[in-house]
Amino acid sequence: MLPTAPEHVDSLANQYLHVRVLLGMVVGLGLTHLLRHFARIIDRSVRPRLDWVHLLWALSMFLYLLHFWWWEFRLGHAVHWTFMLYLFVTLYALLLYLLCAIVFPESLEGYDGYGAYFMSRRKWFFGLLGLAYAVDLADTWIKGREYFAGFGPELEARSVVYVALCAIAMATPSRRFHAAFAVASLAYQVSWIVRQFETL
């Protein structure tokens, strides 16, 4: 059990402030990438062919990044920082940035719009998204057993279902499945945040 002396709490907060600077840079890069491409869609006089399923996943990643930055605040007083923990959390942030880079490419050359591009990259996108939800379990665990248990069975069920659906999304080009998954995922994501993370 960690000491609870005020000086120890201050030390943990100072350590996390140092880590949070790097996390903020990575999250900021991801948000900037997404916003830049949303702005391009609005600004271009001749727009590439849009796809609402792709746009829902782009919006979902925007929300995921904001949510990540919000919930990681709870690490400030929860853990004793080591290099391995620092590496783990940093790689998690980099994983989310990579998802943002995949969902919006720098160029659509060779593709007939965003929908065709997204489907061609679905194995990468959903493979990494499934990994992100698996990593989220570990990220929640390091905040403490009581914190992890506070979510009840929903947290683990959520991660298992997301990983399974991502595996299906990697395998199938079915437009109906991808549309249903995008809508259900974004709706659940909003519900999860409102129910579990409205306040710190």
Protein backbone atom coordinates (compact mmCIF):
# COMPACT_ATOMS: atom_id res chain seq x y z
CA MET A 1 0.00 0.00 0.00
CA LEU A 2 1.32 3.43 -0.94
CA PRO A 3 2.10 5.97 1.76
CA THR A 4 -0.45 8.72 2.15
CA ALA A 5 1.78 11.44 3.56
CA PRO A 6 1.11 14.85 1.95
CA GLU A 7 4.67 15.06 0.62
CA HIS A 8 4.20 11.68 -1.09
CA VAL A 9 0.95 12.83 -2.73
CA ASP A 10 2.70 15.99 -3.93
CA SER A 11 5.53 13.88 -5.34
CA LEU A 12 3.08 11.69 -7.29
CA ALA A 13 1.34 14.76 -8.66
CA ASN A 14 4.65 16.26 -9.79
CA GLN A 15 5.68 12.99 -11.45
CA TYR A 16 2.41 12.80 -13.34
CA LEU A 17 2.61 16.42 -14.41
CA HIS A 18 5.89 15.52 -16.10
CA VAL A 19 4.30 12.50 -17.84
CA ARG A 20 1.15 14.43 -18.72
CA VAL A 21 3.13 16.93 -20.79
CA LEU A 22 4.16 14.19 -23.22
CA LEU A 23 0.68 12.65 -23.26
CA GLY A 24 -0.75 16.08 -24.00
CA MET A 25 1.59 16.48 -26.96
CA VAL A 26 0.52 13.13 -28.45
CA VAL A 27 -3.19 13.77 -27.85
CA GLY A 28 -2.80 17.27 -29.27
CA LEU A 29 -1.21 15.91 -32.44
CA GLY A 30 -4.07 13.44 -32.86
CA LEU A 31 -6.74 16.11 -32.37
CA THR A 32 -4.92 18.46 -34.73
CA HIS A 33 -4.75 15.76 -37.41
CA LEU A 34 -8.48 15.06 -37.14
CA LEU A 35 -9.51 18.73 -37.07
CA ARG A 36 -7.26 19.56 -40.03
CA HIS A 37 -8.97 16.90 -42.12
CA PHE A 38 -12.47 17.87 -40.97
CA ALA A 39 -11.60 21.43 -42.04
CA ARG A 40 -10.36 20.20 -45.42
CA ILE A 41 -13.67 18.44 -46.02
CA ILE A 42 -15.54 21.68 -45.32
CA ASP A 43 -13.15 23.97 -47.22
CA ARG A 44 -12.47 22.10 -50.44
CA SER A 45 -14.38 23.37 -53.46
CA VAL A 46 -14.13 19.91 -55.02
CA ARG A 47 -14.52 17.47 -52.17
CA PRO A 48 -13.60 13.81 -52.28
CA ARG A 49 -16.58 11.51 -52.08
CA LEU A 50 -17.66 11.46 -48.42
CA ASP A 51 -18.85 8.42 -46.54
CA TRP A 52 -20.95 8.75 -43.40
CA VAL A 53 -19.70 5.48 -41.89
CA HIS A 54 -16.11 6.68 -42.23
CA LEU A 55 -17.05 10.07 -40.76
CA LEU A 56 -18.69 8.39 -37.75
CA TRP A 57 -15.45 6.50 -37.03
CA ALA A 58 -13.46 9.73 -37.41
CA LEU A 59 -15.84 11.41 -34.95
CA SER A 60 -15.51 8.39 -32.64
CA MET A 61 -11.72 8.78 -32.63
CA PHE A 62 -12.06 12.49 -31.83
CA LEU A 63 -14.24 11.59 -28.85
CA TYR A 64 -11.89 8.75 -27.82
CA LEU A 65 -8.93 11.15 -27.65
CA LEU A 66 -10.85 13.68 -25.56
CA HIS A 67 -12.04 10.89 -23.29
CA PHE A 68 -8.51 9.48 -22.96
CA TRP A 69 -7.15 12.85 -21.85
CA TRP A 70 -10.03 13.20 -19.36
CA TRP A 71 -9.76 9.79 -17.70
CA GLU A 72 -5.95 9.75 -17.58
CA PHE A 73 -6.17 12.62 -15.09
CA ARG A 74 -7.05 9.97 -12.52
CA LEU A 75 -3.54 8.56 -12.77
CA GLY A 76 -2.16 11.64 -11.02
CA HIS A 77 -2.67 10.39 -7.47
CA ALA A 78 -3.27 6.70 -8.11
CA VAL A 79 0.05 5.11 -8.92
CA HIS A 80 3.76 5.09 -8.24
CA TRP A 81 5.39 5.96 -11.55
CA THR A 82 8.05 3.72 -13.06
CA PHE A 83 9.59 3.82 -16.52
CA MET A 84 7.59 0.74 -17.62
CA LEU A 85 4.32 2.35 -16.57
CA TYR A 86 5.34 5.57 -18.29
CA LEU A 87 6.19 3.57 -21.45
CA PHE A 88 2.86 1.72 -21.31
CA VAL A 89 0.74 4.87 -21.04
CA THR A 90 2.78 6.63 -23.72
CA LEU A 91 2.40 3.70 -26.13
CA TYR A 92 -1.36 3.73 -25.45
CA ALA A 93 -1.48 7.41 -26.46
CA LEU A 94 0.63 6.69 -29.55
CA LEU A 95 -1.74 3.85 -30.48
CA LEU A 96 -4.64 6.32 -30.48
CA TYR A 97 -2.64 8.74 -32.61
CA LEU A 98 -1.94 5.96 -35.10
CA LEU A 99 -5.67 5.25 -35.34
CA CYS A 100 -6.27 8.93 -36.13
CA ALA A 101 -3.58 8.83 -38.83
CA ILE A 102 -5.22 5.78 -40.40
CA VAL A 103 -8.77 7.09 -40.32
CA PHE A 104 -7.74 10.24 -42.22
CA PRO A 105 -4.93 9.72 -44.77
CA GLU A 106 -2.81 12.55 -46.13
CA SER A 107 -3.92 11.66 -49.65
CA LEU A 108 -6.79 9.75 -51.25
CA GLU A 109 -4.90 9.19 -54.48
CA GLY A 110 -5.95 5.89 -55.98
CA TYR A 111 -9.22 5.70 -54.03
CA ASP A 112 -12.74 6.65 -55.02
CA GLY A 113 -13.46 8.64 -51.88
CA TYR A 114 -13.20 8.09 -48.15
CA GLY A 115 -15.44 5.03 -48.07
CA ALA A 116 -13.26 3.05 -50.49
CA TYR A 117 -10.12 4.11 -48.62
CA PHE A 118 -11.54 3.19 -45.23
CA MET A 119 -12.64 -0.26 -46.34
CA SER A 120 -9.22 -0.91 -47.83
CA ARG A 121 -7.62 -0.08 -44.47
CA ARG A 122 -10.23 -1.71 -42.26
CA LYS A 123 -7.94 -4.54 -41.13
CA TRP A 124 -5.40 -2.06 -39.81
CA PHE A 125 -7.96 0.26 -38.28
CA PHE A 126 -10.09 -2.34 -36.54
CA GLY A 127 -7.09 -4.44 -35.56
CA LEU A 128 -5.59 -1.46 -33.74
CA LEU A 129 -8.97 -0.38 -32.35
CA GLY A 130 -9.52 -3.84 -30.86
CA LEU A 131 -6.03 -3.65 -29.38
CA ALA A 132 -6.84 -0.23 -27.89
CA TYR A 133 -9.87 -1.63 -26.05
CA ALA A 134 -7.78 -4.52 -24.73
CA VAL A 135 -5.09 -2.08 -23.57
CA ASP A 136 -7.80 -0.01 -21.90
CA LEU A 137 -8.45 -2.88 -19.49
CA ALA A 138 -4.84 -2.80 -18.34
CA ASP A 139 -4.90 0.99 -18.20
CA THR A 140 -7.93 0.83 -15.90
CA TRP A 141 -6.33 -1.88 -13.75
CA ILE A 142 -3.24 0.19 -12.99
CA LYS A 143 -5.45 2.82 -11.40
CA GLY A 144 -6.16 0.29 -8.65
CA ARG A 145 -8.26 -2.79 -7.95
CA GLU A 146 -11.04 -0.84 -6.29
CA TYR A 147 -11.19 1.57 -9.21
CA PHE A 148 -11.32 -1.34 -11.68
CA ALA A 149 -13.99 -3.15 -9.68
CA GLY A 150 -16.05 0.03 -9.48
CA PHE A 151 -17.10 -0.40 -13.11
CA GLY A 152 -18.58 -3.83 -12.39
CA PRO A 153 -18.75 -6.52 -15.08
CA GLU A 154 -19.62 -3.96 -17.78
CA LEU A 155 -16.01 -2.88 -18.26
CA GLU A 156 -14.72 -6.34 -19.10
CA ALA A 157 -17.80 -7.22 -21.15
CA ARG A 158 -17.40 -3.96 -23.08
CA SER A 159 -13.81 -4.74 -23.99
CA VAL A 160 -14.55 -8.35 -24.99
CA VAL A 161 -17.49 -7.30 -27.19
CA TYR A 162 -15.49 -4.52 -28.86
CA VAL A 163 -12.58 -6.85 -29.60
CA ALA A 164 -14.97 -9.45 -31.06
CA LEU A 165 -16.79 -6.87 -33.21
CA CYS A 166 -13.49 -5.42 -34.40
CA ALA A 167 -12.39 -8.91 -35.45
CA ILE A 168 -15.60 -9.28 -37.47
CA ALA A 169 -15.13 -5.81 -38.97
CA MET A 170 -11.63 -6.79 -40.09
CA ALA A 171 -12.99 -9.87 -41.85
CA THR A 172 -16.17 -8.61 -43.50
CA PRO A 173 -16.70 -5.90 -46.13
CA SER A 174 -20.45 -5.91 -45.41
CA ARG A 175 -21.71 -2.34 -45.63
CA ARG A 176 -24.66 -3.18 -43.41
CA PHE A 177 -22.45 -4.53 -40.64
CA HIS A 178 -20.04 -1.59 -40.77
CA ALA A 179 -22.88 0.93 -40.71
CA ALA A 180 -24.55 -0.76 -37.73
CA PHE A 181 -21.22 -1.08 -35.88
CA ALA A 182 -20.35 2.59 -36.42
CA VAL A 183 -23.73 3.84 -35.16
CA ALA A 184 -23.90 1.46 -32.19
CA SER A 185 -20.28 2.12 -31.20
CA LEU A 186 -20.63 5.91 -31.17
CA ALA A 187 -23.93 5.74 -29.27
CA TYR A 188 -22.45 3.42 -26.66
CA GLN A 189 -19.27 5.49 -26.42
CA VAL A 190 -21.33 8.60 -25.56
CA SER A 191 -23.41 6.61 -23.07
CA TRP A 192 -20.28 5.19 -21.37
CA ILE A 193 -18.73 8.63 -20.96
CA VAL A 194 -21.90 10.21 -19.61
CA ARG A 195 -22.57 7.38 -17.16
CA GLN A 196 -19.02 6.74 -15.93
CA PHE A 197 -16.92 9.84 -16.57
CA GLU A 198 -19.16 12.89 -16.33
CA THR A 199 -17.06 14.11 -13.40
CA LEU A 200 -13.52 13.34 -12.29
